PDBML (XML) file of the C-alpha atoms, coordinates in Angstrom:
<?xml version="1.0" encoding="UTF-8" ?>
<PDBx:datablock datablockName="MODEL"
   xmlns:PDBx="http://pdbml.pdb.org/schema/pdbx-v50.xsd"
   xmlns:xsi="http://www.w3.org/2001/XMLSchema-instance"
   xsi:schemaLocation="http://pdbml.pdb.org/schema/pdbx-v50.xsd pdbx-v50.xsd">
   <PDBx:atom_siteCategory>
      <PDBx:atom_site id="1">
         <PDBx:B_iso_or_equiv>0.00</PDBx:B_iso_or_equiv>
         <PDBx:Cartn_x>34.148</PDBx:Cartn_x>
         <PDBx:Cartn_y>119.526</PDBx:Cartn_y>
         <PDBx:Cartn_z>94.174</PDBx:Cartn_z>
         <PDBx:auth_asym_id>A</PDBx:auth_asym_id>
         <PDBx:auth_atom_id>CA</PDBx:auth_atom_id>
         <PDBx:auth_comp_id>LEU</PDBx:auth_comp_id>
         <PDBx:auth_seq_id>1</PDBx:auth_seq_id>
         <PDBx:group_PDB>ATOM</PDBx:group_PDB>
         <PDBx:label_alt_id xsi:nil="true" />
         <PDBx:label_asym_id>A</PDBx:label_asym_id>
         <PDBx:label_atom_id>CA</PDBx:label_atom_id>
         <PDBx:label_comp_id>LEU</PDBx:label_comp_id>
         <PDBx:label_entity_id>1</PDBx:label_entity_id>
         <PDBx:label_seq_id>1</PDBx:label_seq_id>
         <PDBx:occupancy>1.00</PDBx:occupancy>
         <PDBx:pdbx_PDB_model_num>1</PDBx:pdbx_PDB_model_num>
         <PDBx:type_symbol>C</PDBx:type_symbol>
      </PDBx:atom_site>
      <PDBx:atom_site id="2">
         <PDBx:B_iso_or_equiv>0.00</PDBx:B_iso_or_equiv>
         <PDBx:Cartn_x>36.891</PDBx:Cartn_x>
         <PDBx:Cartn_y>119.738</PDBx:Cartn_y>
         <PDBx:Cartn_z>96.776</PDBx:Cartn_z>
         <PDBx:auth_asym_id>A</PDBx:auth_asym_id>
         <PDBx:auth_atom_id>CA</PDBx:auth_atom_id>
         <PDBx:auth_comp_id>LYS</PDBx:auth_comp_id>
         <PDBx:auth_seq_id>2</PDBx:auth_seq_id>
         <PDBx:group_PDB>ATOM</PDBx:group_PDB>
         <PDBx:label_alt_id xsi:nil="true" />
         <PDBx:label_asym_id>A</PDBx:label_asym_id>
         <PDBx:label_atom_id>CA</PDBx:label_atom_id>
         <PDBx:label_comp_id>LYS</PDBx:label_comp_id>
         <PDBx:label_entity_id>1</PDBx:label_entity_id>
         <PDBx:label_seq_id>2</PDBx:label_seq_id>
         <PDBx:occupancy>1.00</PDBx:occupancy>
         <PDBx:pdbx_PDB_model_num>1</PDBx:pdbx_PDB_model_num>
         <PDBx:type_symbol>C</PDBx:type_symbol>
      </PDBx:atom_site>
      <PDBx:atom_site id="3">
         <PDBx:B_iso_or_equiv>0.00</PDBx:B_iso_or_equiv>
         <PDBx:Cartn_x>36.119</PDBx:Cartn_x>
         <PDBx:Cartn_y>116.151</PDBx:Cartn_y>
         <PDBx:Cartn_z>97.872</PDBx:Cartn_z>
         <PDBx:auth_asym_id>A</PDBx:auth_asym_id>
         <PDBx:auth_atom_id>CA</PDBx:auth_atom_id>
         <PDBx:auth_comp_id>ASN</PDBx:auth_comp_id>
         <PDBx:auth_seq_id>3</PDBx:auth_seq_id>
         <PDBx:group_PDB>ATOM</PDBx:group_PDB>
         <PDBx:label_alt_id xsi:nil="true" />
         <PDBx:label_asym_id>A</PDBx:label_asym_id>
         <PDBx:label_atom_id>CA</PDBx:label_atom_id>
         <PDBx:label_comp_id>ASN</PDBx:label_comp_id>
         <PDBx:label_entity_id>1</PDBx:label_entity_id>
         <PDBx:label_seq_id>3</PDBx:label_seq_id>
         <PDBx:occupancy>1.00</PDBx:occupancy>
         <PDBx:pdbx_PDB_model_num>1</PDBx:pdbx_PDB_model_num>
         <PDBx:type_symbol>C</PDBx:type_symbol>
      </PDBx:atom_site>
      <PDBx:atom_site id="4">
         <PDBx:B_iso_or_equiv>0.00</PDBx:B_iso_or_equiv>
         <PDBx:Cartn_x>36.206</PDBx:Cartn_x>
         <PDBx:Cartn_y>114.952</PDBx:Cartn_y>
         <PDBx:Cartn_z>94.266</PDBx:Cartn_z>
         <PDBx:auth_asym_id>A</PDBx:auth_asym_id>
         <PDBx:auth_atom_id>CA</PDBx:auth_atom_id>
         <PDBx:auth_comp_id>ILE</PDBx:auth_comp_id>
         <PDBx:auth_seq_id>4</PDBx:auth_seq_id>
         <PDBx:group_PDB>ATOM</PDBx:group_PDB>
         <PDBx:label_alt_id xsi:nil="true" />
         <PDBx:label_asym_id>A</PDBx:label_asym_id>
         <PDBx:label_atom_id>CA</PDBx:label_atom_id>
         <PDBx:label_comp_id>ILE</PDBx:label_comp_id>
         <PDBx:label_entity_id>1</PDBx:label_entity_id>
         <PDBx:label_seq_id>4</PDBx:label_seq_id>
         <PDBx:occupancy>1.00</PDBx:occupancy>
         <PDBx:pdbx_PDB_model_num>1</PDBx:pdbx_PDB_model_num>
         <PDBx:type_symbol>C</PDBx:type_symbol>
      </PDBx:atom_site>
      <PDBx:atom_site id="5">
         <PDBx:B_iso_or_equiv>0.00</PDBx:B_iso_or_equiv>
         <PDBx:Cartn_x>39.558</PDBx:Cartn_x>
         <PDBx:Cartn_y>116.641</PDBx:Cartn_y>
         <PDBx:Cartn_z>93.646</PDBx:Cartn_z>
         <PDBx:auth_asym_id>A</PDBx:auth_asym_id>
         <PDBx:auth_atom_id>CA</PDBx:auth_atom_id>
         <PDBx:auth_comp_id>ILE</PDBx:auth_comp_id>
         <PDBx:auth_seq_id>5</PDBx:auth_seq_id>
         <PDBx:group_PDB>ATOM</PDBx:group_PDB>
         <PDBx:label_alt_id xsi:nil="true" />
         <PDBx:label_asym_id>A</PDBx:label_asym_id>
         <PDBx:label_atom_id>CA</PDBx:label_atom_id>
         <PDBx:label_comp_id>ILE</PDBx:label_comp_id>
         <PDBx:label_entity_id>1</PDBx:label_entity_id>
         <PDBx:label_seq_id>5</PDBx:label_seq_id>
         <PDBx:occupancy>1.00</PDBx:occupancy>
         <PDBx:pdbx_PDB_model_num>1</PDBx:pdbx_PDB_model_num>
         <PDBx:type_symbol>C</PDBx:type_symbol>
      </PDBx:atom_site>
      <PDBx:atom_site id="6">
         <PDBx:B_iso_or_equiv>0.00</PDBx:B_iso_or_equiv>
         <PDBx:Cartn_x>40.990</PDBx:Cartn_x>
         <PDBx:Cartn_y>115.131</PDBx:Cartn_y>
         <PDBx:Cartn_z>96.838</PDBx:Cartn_z>
         <PDBx:auth_asym_id>A</PDBx:auth_asym_id>
         <PDBx:auth_atom_id>CA</PDBx:auth_atom_id>
         <PDBx:auth_comp_id>GLU</PDBx:auth_comp_id>
         <PDBx:auth_seq_id>6</PDBx:auth_seq_id>
         <PDBx:group_PDB>ATOM</PDBx:group_PDB>
         <PDBx:label_alt_id xsi:nil="true" />
         <PDBx:label_asym_id>A</PDBx:label_asym_id>
         <PDBx:label_atom_id>CA</PDBx:label_atom_id>
         <PDBx:label_comp_id>GLU</PDBx:label_comp_id>
         <PDBx:label_entity_id>1</PDBx:label_entity_id>
         <PDBx:label_seq_id>6</PDBx:label_seq_id>
         <PDBx:occupancy>1.00</PDBx:occupancy>
         <PDBx:pdbx_PDB_model_num>1</PDBx:pdbx_PDB_model_num>
         <PDBx:type_symbol>C</PDBx:type_symbol>
      </PDBx:atom_site>
      <PDBx:atom_site id="7">
         <PDBx:B_iso_or_equiv>0.00</PDBx:B_iso_or_equiv>
         <PDBx:Cartn_x>39.830</PDBx:Cartn_x>
         <PDBx:Cartn_y>111.662</PDBx:Cartn_y>
         <PDBx:Cartn_z>95.755</PDBx:Cartn_z>
         <PDBx:auth_asym_id>A</PDBx:auth_asym_id>
         <PDBx:auth_atom_id>CA</PDBx:auth_atom_id>
         <PDBx:auth_comp_id>ASP</PDBx:auth_comp_id>
         <PDBx:auth_seq_id>7</PDBx:auth_seq_id>
         <PDBx:group_PDB>ATOM</PDBx:group_PDB>
         <PDBx:label_alt_id xsi:nil="true" />
         <PDBx:label_asym_id>A</PDBx:label_asym_id>
         <PDBx:label_atom_id>CA</PDBx:label_atom_id>
         <PDBx:label_comp_id>ASP</PDBx:label_comp_id>
         <PDBx:label_entity_id>1</PDBx:label_entity_id>
         <PDBx:label_seq_id>7</PDBx:label_seq_id>
         <PDBx:occupancy>1.00</PDBx:occupancy>
         <PDBx:pdbx_PDB_model_num>1</PDBx:pdbx_PDB_model_num>
         <PDBx:type_symbol>C</PDBx:type_symbol>
      </PDBx:atom_site>
      <PDBx:atom_site id="8">
         <PDBx:B_iso_or_equiv>0.00</PDBx:B_iso_or_equiv>
         <PDBx:Cartn_x>41.370</PDBx:Cartn_x>
         <PDBx:Cartn_y>112.159</PDBx:Cartn_y>
         <PDBx:Cartn_z>92.309</PDBx:Cartn_z>
         <PDBx:auth_asym_id>A</PDBx:auth_asym_id>
         <PDBx:auth_atom_id>CA</PDBx:auth_atom_id>
         <PDBx:auth_comp_id>LEU</PDBx:auth_comp_id>
         <PDBx:auth_seq_id>8</PDBx:auth_seq_id>
         <PDBx:group_PDB>ATOM</PDBx:group_PDB>
         <PDBx:label_alt_id xsi:nil="true" />
         <PDBx:label_asym_id>A</PDBx:label_asym_id>
         <PDBx:label_atom_id>CA</PDBx:label_atom_id>
         <PDBx:label_comp_id>LEU</PDBx:label_comp_id>
         <PDBx:label_entity_id>1</PDBx:label_entity_id>
         <PDBx:label_seq_id>8</PDBx:label_seq_id>
         <PDBx:occupancy>1.00</PDBx:occupancy>
         <PDBx:pdbx_PDB_model_num>1</PDBx:pdbx_PDB_model_num>
         <PDBx:type_symbol>C</PDBx:type_symbol>
      </PDBx:atom_site>
      <PDBx:atom_site id="9">
         <PDBx:B_iso_or_equiv>0.00</PDBx:B_iso_or_equiv>
         <PDBx:Cartn_x>44.649</PDBx:Cartn_x>
         <PDBx:Cartn_y>113.271</PDBx:Cartn_y>
         <PDBx:Cartn_z>93.893</PDBx:Cartn_z>
         <PDBx:auth_asym_id>A</PDBx:auth_asym_id>
         <PDBx:auth_atom_id>CA</PDBx:auth_atom_id>
         <PDBx:auth_comp_id>ASN</PDBx:auth_comp_id>
         <PDBx:auth_seq_id>9</PDBx:auth_seq_id>
         <PDBx:group_PDB>ATOM</PDBx:group_PDB>
         <PDBx:label_alt_id xsi:nil="true" />
         <PDBx:label_asym_id>A</PDBx:label_asym_id>
         <PDBx:label_atom_id>CA</PDBx:label_atom_id>
         <PDBx:label_comp_id>ASN</PDBx:label_comp_id>
         <PDBx:label_entity_id>1</PDBx:label_entity_id>
         <PDBx:label_seq_id>9</PDBx:label_seq_id>
         <PDBx:occupancy>1.00</PDBx:occupancy>
         <PDBx:pdbx_PDB_model_num>1</PDBx:pdbx_PDB_model_num>
         <PDBx:type_symbol>C</PDBx:type_symbol>
      </PDBx:atom_site>
      <PDBx:atom_site id="10">
         <PDBx:B_iso_or_equiv>0.00</PDBx:B_iso_or_equiv>
         <PDBx:Cartn_x>44.686</PDBx:Cartn_x>
         <PDBx:Cartn_y>110.151</PDBx:Cartn_y>
         <PDBx:Cartn_z>96.071</PDBx:Cartn_z>
         <PDBx:auth_asym_id>A</PDBx:auth_asym_id>
         <PDBx:auth_atom_id>CA</PDBx:auth_atom_id>
         <PDBx:auth_comp_id>LYS</PDBx:auth_comp_id>
         <PDBx:auth_seq_id>10</PDBx:auth_seq_id>
         <PDBx:group_PDB>ATOM</PDBx:group_PDB>
         <PDBx:label_alt_id xsi:nil="true" />
         <PDBx:label_asym_id>A</PDBx:label_asym_id>
         <PDBx:label_atom_id>CA</PDBx:label_atom_id>
         <PDBx:label_comp_id>LYS</PDBx:label_comp_id>
         <PDBx:label_entity_id>1</PDBx:label_entity_id>
         <PDBx:label_seq_id>10</PDBx:label_seq_id>
         <PDBx:occupancy>1.00</PDBx:occupancy>
         <PDBx:pdbx_PDB_model_num>1</PDBx:pdbx_PDB_model_num>
         <PDBx:type_symbol>C</PDBx:type_symbol>
      </PDBx:atom_site>
      <PDBx:atom_site id="11">
         <PDBx:B_iso_or_equiv>0.00</PDBx:B_iso_or_equiv>
         <PDBx:Cartn_x>43.982</PDBx:Cartn_x>
         <PDBx:Cartn_y>107.952</PDBx:Cartn_y>
         <PDBx:Cartn_z>93.052</PDBx:Cartn_z>
         <PDBx:auth_asym_id>A</PDBx:auth_asym_id>
         <PDBx:auth_atom_id>CA</PDBx:auth_atom_id>
         <PDBx:auth_comp_id>ASP</PDBx:auth_comp_id>
         <PDBx:auth_seq_id>11</PDBx:auth_seq_id>
         <PDBx:group_PDB>ATOM</PDBx:group_PDB>
         <PDBx:label_alt_id xsi:nil="true" />
         <PDBx:label_asym_id>A</PDBx:label_asym_id>
         <PDBx:label_atom_id>CA</PDBx:label_atom_id>
         <PDBx:label_comp_id>ASP</PDBx:label_comp_id>
         <PDBx:label_entity_id>1</PDBx:label_entity_id>
         <PDBx:label_seq_id>11</PDBx:label_seq_id>
         <PDBx:occupancy>1.00</PDBx:occupancy>
         <PDBx:pdbx_PDB_model_num>1</PDBx:pdbx_PDB_model_num>
         <PDBx:type_symbol>C</PDBx:type_symbol>
      </PDBx:atom_site>
      <PDBx:atom_site id="12">
         <PDBx:B_iso_or_equiv>0.00</PDBx:B_iso_or_equiv>
         <PDBx:Cartn_x>46.728</PDBx:Cartn_x>
         <PDBx:Cartn_y>109.682</PDBx:Cartn_y>
         <PDBx:Cartn_z>91.062</PDBx:Cartn_z>
         <PDBx:auth_asym_id>A</PDBx:auth_asym_id>
         <PDBx:auth_atom_id>CA</PDBx:auth_atom_id>
         <PDBx:auth_comp_id>PHE</PDBx:auth_comp_id>
         <PDBx:auth_seq_id>12</PDBx:auth_seq_id>
         <PDBx:group_PDB>ATOM</PDBx:group_PDB>
         <PDBx:label_alt_id xsi:nil="true" />
         <PDBx:label_asym_id>A</PDBx:label_asym_id>
         <PDBx:label_atom_id>CA</PDBx:label_atom_id>
         <PDBx:label_comp_id>PHE</PDBx:label_comp_id>
         <PDBx:label_entity_id>1</PDBx:label_entity_id>
         <PDBx:label_seq_id>12</PDBx:label_seq_id>
         <PDBx:occupancy>1.00</PDBx:occupancy>
         <PDBx:pdbx_PDB_model_num>1</PDBx:pdbx_PDB_model_num>
         <PDBx:type_symbol>C</PDBx:type_symbol>
      </PDBx:atom_site>
      <PDBx:atom_site id="13">
         <PDBx:B_iso_or_equiv>0.00</PDBx:B_iso_or_equiv>
         <PDBx:Cartn_x>49.260</PDBx:Cartn_x>
         <PDBx:Cartn_y>109.319</PDBx:Cartn_y>
         <PDBx:Cartn_z>93.869</PDBx:Cartn_z>
         <PDBx:auth_asym_id>A</PDBx:auth_asym_id>
         <PDBx:auth_atom_id>CA</PDBx:auth_atom_id>
         <PDBx:auth_comp_id>LEU</PDBx:auth_comp_id>
         <PDBx:auth_seq_id>13</PDBx:auth_seq_id>
         <PDBx:group_PDB>ATOM</PDBx:group_PDB>
         <PDBx:label_alt_id xsi:nil="true" />
         <PDBx:label_asym_id>A</PDBx:label_asym_id>
         <PDBx:label_atom_id>CA</PDBx:label_atom_id>
         <PDBx:label_comp_id>LEU</PDBx:label_comp_id>
         <PDBx:label_entity_id>1</PDBx:label_entity_id>
         <PDBx:label_seq_id>13</PDBx:label_seq_id>
         <PDBx:occupancy>1.00</PDBx:occupancy>
         <PDBx:pdbx_PDB_model_num>1</PDBx:pdbx_PDB_model_num>
         <PDBx:type_symbol>C</PDBx:type_symbol>
      </PDBx:atom_site>
      <PDBx:atom_site id="14">
         <PDBx:B_iso_or_equiv>0.00</PDBx:B_iso_or_equiv>
         <PDBx:Cartn_x>48.401</PDBx:Cartn_x>
         <PDBx:Cartn_y>105.662</PDBx:Cartn_y>
         <PDBx:Cartn_z>94.344</PDBx:Cartn_z>
         <PDBx:auth_asym_id>A</PDBx:auth_asym_id>
         <PDBx:auth_atom_id>CA</PDBx:auth_atom_id>
         <PDBx:auth_comp_id>SER</PDBx:auth_comp_id>
         <PDBx:auth_seq_id>14</PDBx:auth_seq_id>
         <PDBx:group_PDB>ATOM</PDBx:group_PDB>
         <PDBx:label_alt_id xsi:nil="true" />
         <PDBx:label_asym_id>A</PDBx:label_asym_id>
         <PDBx:label_atom_id>CA</PDBx:label_atom_id>
         <PDBx:label_comp_id>SER</PDBx:label_comp_id>
         <PDBx:label_entity_id>1</PDBx:label_entity_id>
         <PDBx:label_seq_id>14</PDBx:label_seq_id>
         <PDBx:occupancy>1.00</PDBx:occupancy>
         <PDBx:pdbx_PDB_model_num>1</PDBx:pdbx_PDB_model_num>
         <PDBx:type_symbol>C</PDBx:type_symbol>
      </PDBx:atom_site>
      <PDBx:atom_site id="15">
         <PDBx:B_iso_or_equiv>0.00</PDBx:B_iso_or_equiv>
         <PDBx:Cartn_x>48.833</PDBx:Cartn_x>
         <PDBx:Cartn_y>105.125</PDBx:Cartn_y>
         <PDBx:Cartn_z>90.586</PDBx:Cartn_z>
         <PDBx:auth_asym_id>A</PDBx:auth_asym_id>
         <PDBx:auth_atom_id>CA</PDBx:auth_atom_id>
         <PDBx:auth_comp_id>LEU</PDBx:auth_comp_id>
         <PDBx:auth_seq_id>15</PDBx:auth_seq_id>
         <PDBx:group_PDB>ATOM</PDBx:group_PDB>
         <PDBx:label_alt_id xsi:nil="true" />
         <PDBx:label_asym_id>A</PDBx:label_asym_id>
         <PDBx:label_atom_id>CA</PDBx:label_atom_id>
         <PDBx:label_comp_id>LEU</PDBx:label_comp_id>
         <PDBx:label_entity_id>1</PDBx:label_entity_id>
         <PDBx:label_seq_id>15</PDBx:label_seq_id>
         <PDBx:occupancy>1.00</PDBx:occupancy>
         <PDBx:pdbx_PDB_model_num>1</PDBx:pdbx_PDB_model_num>
         <PDBx:type_symbol>C</PDBx:type_symbol>
      </PDBx:atom_site>
      <PDBx:atom_site id="16">
         <PDBx:B_iso_or_equiv>0.00</PDBx:B_iso_or_equiv>
         <PDBx:Cartn_x>52.228</PDBx:Cartn_x>
         <PDBx:Cartn_y>106.831</PDBx:Cartn_y>
         <PDBx:Cartn_z>90.672</PDBx:Cartn_z>
         <PDBx:auth_asym_id>A</PDBx:auth_asym_id>
         <PDBx:auth_atom_id>CA</PDBx:auth_atom_id>
         <PDBx:auth_comp_id>VAL</PDBx:auth_comp_id>
         <PDBx:auth_seq_id>16</PDBx:auth_seq_id>
         <PDBx:group_PDB>ATOM</PDBx:group_PDB>
         <PDBx:label_alt_id xsi:nil="true" />
         <PDBx:label_asym_id>A</PDBx:label_asym_id>
         <PDBx:label_atom_id>CA</PDBx:label_atom_id>
         <PDBx:label_comp_id>VAL</PDBx:label_comp_id>
         <PDBx:label_entity_id>1</PDBx:label_entity_id>
         <PDBx:label_seq_id>16</PDBx:label_seq_id>
         <PDBx:occupancy>1.00</PDBx:occupancy>
         <PDBx:pdbx_PDB_model_num>1</PDBx:pdbx_PDB_model_num>
         <PDBx:type_symbol>C</PDBx:type_symbol>
      </PDBx:atom_site>
      <PDBx:atom_site id="17">
         <PDBx:B_iso_or_equiv>0.00</PDBx:B_iso_or_equiv>
         <PDBx:Cartn_x>53.257</PDBx:Cartn_x>
         <PDBx:Cartn_y>104.615</PDBx:Cartn_y>
         <PDBx:Cartn_z>93.580</PDBx:Cartn_z>
         <PDBx:auth_asym_id>A</PDBx:auth_asym_id>
         <PDBx:auth_atom_id>CA</PDBx:auth_atom_id>
         <PDBx:auth_comp_id>ASN</PDBx:auth_comp_id>
         <PDBx:auth_seq_id>17</PDBx:auth_seq_id>
         <PDBx:group_PDB>ATOM</PDBx:group_PDB>
         <PDBx:label_alt_id xsi:nil="true" />
         <PDBx:label_asym_id>A</PDBx:label_asym_id>
         <PDBx:label_atom_id>CA</PDBx:label_atom_id>
         <PDBx:label_comp_id>ASN</PDBx:label_comp_id>
         <PDBx:label_entity_id>1</PDBx:label_entity_id>
         <PDBx:label_seq_id>17</PDBx:label_seq_id>
         <PDBx:occupancy>1.00</PDBx:occupancy>
         <PDBx:pdbx_PDB_model_num>1</PDBx:pdbx_PDB_model_num>
         <PDBx:type_symbol>C</PDBx:type_symbol>
      </PDBx:atom_site>
      <PDBx:atom_site id="18">
         <PDBx:B_iso_or_equiv>0.00</PDBx:B_iso_or_equiv>
         <PDBx:Cartn_x>52.127</PDBx:Cartn_x>
         <PDBx:Cartn_y>101.505</PDBx:Cartn_y>
         <PDBx:Cartn_z>91.722</PDBx:Cartn_z>
         <PDBx:auth_asym_id>A</PDBx:auth_asym_id>
         <PDBx:auth_atom_id>CA</PDBx:auth_atom_id>
         <PDBx:auth_comp_id>ILE</PDBx:auth_comp_id>
         <PDBx:auth_seq_id>18</PDBx:auth_seq_id>
         <PDBx:group_PDB>ATOM</PDBx:group_PDB>
         <PDBx:label_alt_id xsi:nil="true" />
         <PDBx:label_asym_id>A</PDBx:label_asym_id>
         <PDBx:label_atom_id>CA</PDBx:label_atom_id>
         <PDBx:label_comp_id>ILE</PDBx:label_comp_id>
         <PDBx:label_entity_id>1</PDBx:label_entity_id>
         <PDBx:label_seq_id>18</PDBx:label_seq_id>
         <PDBx:occupancy>1.00</PDBx:occupancy>
         <PDBx:pdbx_PDB_model_num>1</PDBx:pdbx_PDB_model_num>
         <PDBx:type_symbol>C</PDBx:type_symbol>
      </PDBx:atom_site>
      <PDBx:atom_site id="19">
         <PDBx:B_iso_or_equiv>0.00</PDBx:B_iso_or_equiv>
         <PDBx:Cartn_x>53.896</PDBx:Cartn_x>
         <PDBx:Cartn_y>102.545</PDBx:Cartn_y>
         <PDBx:Cartn_z>88.534</PDBx:Cartn_z>
         <PDBx:auth_asym_id>A</PDBx:auth_asym_id>
         <PDBx:auth_atom_id>CA</PDBx:auth_atom_id>
         <PDBx:auth_comp_id>LEU</PDBx:auth_comp_id>
         <PDBx:auth_seq_id>19</PDBx:auth_seq_id>
         <PDBx:group_PDB>ATOM</PDBx:group_PDB>
         <PDBx:label_alt_id xsi:nil="true" />
         <PDBx:label_asym_id>A</PDBx:label_asym_id>
         <PDBx:label_atom_id>CA</PDBx:label_atom_id>
         <PDBx:label_comp_id>LEU</PDBx:label_comp_id>
         <PDBx:label_entity_id>1</PDBx:label_entity_id>
         <PDBx:label_seq_id>19</PDBx:label_seq_id>
         <PDBx:occupancy>1.00</PDBx:occupancy>
         <PDBx:pdbx_PDB_model_num>1</PDBx:pdbx_PDB_model_num>
         <PDBx:type_symbol>C</PDBx:type_symbol>
      </PDBx:atom_site>
      <PDBx:atom_site id="20">
         <PDBx:B_iso_or_equiv>0.00</PDBx:B_iso_or_equiv>
         <PDBx:Cartn_x>57.132</PDBx:Cartn_x>
         <PDBx:Cartn_y>103.380</PDBx:Cartn_y>
         <PDBx:Cartn_z>90.332</PDBx:Cartn_z>
         <PDBx:auth_asym_id>A</PDBx:auth_asym_id>
         <PDBx:auth_atom_id>CA</PDBx:auth_atom_id>
         <PDBx:auth_comp_id>THR</PDBx:auth_comp_id>
         <PDBx:auth_seq_id>20</PDBx:auth_seq_id>
         <PDBx:group_PDB>ATOM</PDBx:group_PDB>
         <PDBx:label_alt_id xsi:nil="true" />
         <PDBx:label_asym_id>A</PDBx:label_asym_id>
         <PDBx:label_atom_id>CA</PDBx:label_atom_id>
         <PDBx:label_comp_id>THR</PDBx:label_comp_id>
         <PDBx:label_entity_id>1</PDBx:label_entity_id>
         <PDBx:label_seq_id>20</PDBx:label_seq_id>
         <PDBx:occupancy>1.00</PDBx:occupancy>
         <PDBx:pdbx_PDB_model_num>1</PDBx:pdbx_PDB_model_num>
         <PDBx:type_symbol>C</PDBx:type_symbol>
      </PDBx:atom_site>
      <PDBx:atom_site id="21">
         <PDBx:B_iso_or_equiv>0.00</PDBx:B_iso_or_equiv>
         <PDBx:Cartn_x>56.983</PDBx:Cartn_x>
         <PDBx:Cartn_y>100.082</PDBx:Cartn_y>
         <PDBx:Cartn_z>92.226</PDBx:Cartn_z>
         <PDBx:auth_asym_id>A</PDBx:auth_asym_id>
         <PDBx:auth_atom_id>CA</PDBx:auth_atom_id>
         <PDBx:auth_comp_id>THR</PDBx:auth_comp_id>
         <PDBx:auth_seq_id>21</PDBx:auth_seq_id>
         <PDBx:group_PDB>ATOM</PDBx:group_PDB>
         <PDBx:label_alt_id xsi:nil="true" />
         <PDBx:label_asym_id>A</PDBx:label_asym_id>
         <PDBx:label_atom_id>CA</PDBx:label_atom_id>
         <PDBx:label_comp_id>THR</PDBx:label_comp_id>
         <PDBx:label_entity_id>1</PDBx:label_entity_id>
         <PDBx:label_seq_id>21</PDBx:label_seq_id>
         <PDBx:occupancy>1.00</PDBx:occupancy>
         <PDBx:pdbx_PDB_model_num>1</PDBx:pdbx_PDB_model_num>
         <PDBx:type_symbol>C</PDBx:type_symbol>
      </PDBx:atom_site>
      <PDBx:atom_site id="22">
         <PDBx:B_iso_or_equiv>0.00</PDBx:B_iso_or_equiv>
         <PDBx:Cartn_x>56.554</PDBx:Cartn_x>
         <PDBx:Cartn_y>97.923</PDBx:Cartn_y>
         <PDBx:Cartn_z>89.128</PDBx:Cartn_z>
         <PDBx:auth_asym_id>A</PDBx:auth_asym_id>
         <PDBx:auth_atom_id>CA</PDBx:auth_atom_id>
         <PDBx:auth_comp_id>TYR</PDBx:auth_comp_id>
         <PDBx:auth_seq_id>22</PDBx:auth_seq_id>
         <PDBx:group_PDB>ATOM</PDBx:group_PDB>
         <PDBx:label_alt_id xsi:nil="true" />
         <PDBx:label_asym_id>A</PDBx:label_asym_id>
         <PDBx:label_atom_id>CA</PDBx:label_atom_id>
         <PDBx:label_comp_id>TYR</PDBx:label_comp_id>
         <PDBx:label_entity_id>1</PDBx:label_entity_id>
         <PDBx:label_seq_id>22</PDBx:label_seq_id>
         <PDBx:occupancy>1.00</PDBx:occupancy>
         <PDBx:pdbx_PDB_model_num>1</PDBx:pdbx_PDB_model_num>
         <PDBx:type_symbol>C</PDBx:type_symbol>
      </PDBx:atom_site>
      <PDBx:atom_site id="23">
         <PDBx:B_iso_or_equiv>0.00</PDBx:B_iso_or_equiv>
         <PDBx:Cartn_x>58.311</PDBx:Cartn_x>
         <PDBx:Cartn_y>100.029</PDBx:Cartn_y>
         <PDBx:Cartn_z>86.510</PDBx:Cartn_z>
         <PDBx:auth_asym_id>A</PDBx:auth_asym_id>
         <PDBx:auth_atom_id>CA</PDBx:auth_atom_id>
         <PDBx:auth_comp_id>SER</PDBx:auth_comp_id>
         <PDBx:auth_seq_id>23</PDBx:auth_seq_id>
         <PDBx:group_PDB>ATOM</PDBx:group_PDB>
         <PDBx:label_alt_id xsi:nil="true" />
         <PDBx:label_asym_id>A</PDBx:label_asym_id>
         <PDBx:label_atom_id>CA</PDBx:label_atom_id>
         <PDBx:label_comp_id>SER</PDBx:label_comp_id>
         <PDBx:label_entity_id>1</PDBx:label_entity_id>
         <PDBx:label_seq_id>23</PDBx:label_seq_id>
         <PDBx:occupancy>1.00</PDBx:occupancy>
         <PDBx:pdbx_PDB_model_num>1</PDBx:pdbx_PDB_model_num>
         <PDBx:type_symbol>C</PDBx:type_symbol>
      </PDBx:atom_site>
      <PDBx:atom_site id="24">
         <PDBx:B_iso_or_equiv>0.00</PDBx:B_iso_or_equiv>
         <PDBx:Cartn_x>61.798</PDBx:Cartn_x>
         <PDBx:Cartn_y>99.372</PDBx:Cartn_y>
         <PDBx:Cartn_z>85.270</PDBx:Cartn_z>
         <PDBx:auth_asym_id>A</PDBx:auth_asym_id>
         <PDBx:auth_atom_id>CA</PDBx:auth_atom_id>
         <PDBx:auth_comp_id>THR</PDBx:auth_comp_id>
         <PDBx:auth_seq_id>24</PDBx:auth_seq_id>
         <PDBx:group_PDB>ATOM</PDBx:group_PDB>
         <PDBx:label_alt_id xsi:nil="true" />
         <PDBx:label_asym_id>A</PDBx:label_asym_id>
         <PDBx:label_atom_id>CA</PDBx:label_atom_id>
         <PDBx:label_comp_id>THR</PDBx:label_comp_id>
         <PDBx:label_entity_id>1</PDBx:label_entity_id>
         <PDBx:label_seq_id>24</PDBx:label_seq_id>
         <PDBx:occupancy>1.00</PDBx:occupancy>
         <PDBx:pdbx_PDB_model_num>1</PDBx:pdbx_PDB_model_num>
         <PDBx:type_symbol>C</PDBx:type_symbol>
      </PDBx:atom_site>
      <PDBx:atom_site id="25">
         <PDBx:B_iso_or_equiv>0.00</PDBx:B_iso_or_equiv>
         <PDBx:Cartn_x>62.022</PDBx:Cartn_x>
         <PDBx:Cartn_y>102.829</PDBx:Cartn_y>
         <PDBx:Cartn_z>83.700</PDBx:Cartn_z>
         <PDBx:auth_asym_id>A</PDBx:auth_asym_id>
         <PDBx:auth_atom_id>CA</PDBx:auth_atom_id>
         <PDBx:auth_comp_id>GLN</PDBx:auth_comp_id>
         <PDBx:auth_seq_id>25</PDBx:auth_seq_id>
         <PDBx:group_PDB>ATOM</PDBx:group_PDB>
         <PDBx:label_alt_id xsi:nil="true" />
         <PDBx:label_asym_id>A</PDBx:label_asym_id>
         <PDBx:label_atom_id>CA</PDBx:label_atom_id>
         <PDBx:label_comp_id>GLN</PDBx:label_comp_id>
         <PDBx:label_entity_id>1</PDBx:label_entity_id>
         <PDBx:label_seq_id>25</PDBx:label_seq_id>
         <PDBx:occupancy>1.00</PDBx:occupancy>
         <PDBx:pdbx_PDB_model_num>1</PDBx:pdbx_PDB_model_num>
         <PDBx:type_symbol>C</PDBx:type_symbol>
      </PDBx:atom_site>
   </PDBx:atom_siteCategory>
</PDBx:datablock>
């Protein structure tokens, strides 16, 4: 479960990075 949560956190952080890179808002 710890590994799954770490993977989800990485995916979430990469999504936030992508959204902040491409977002105008």
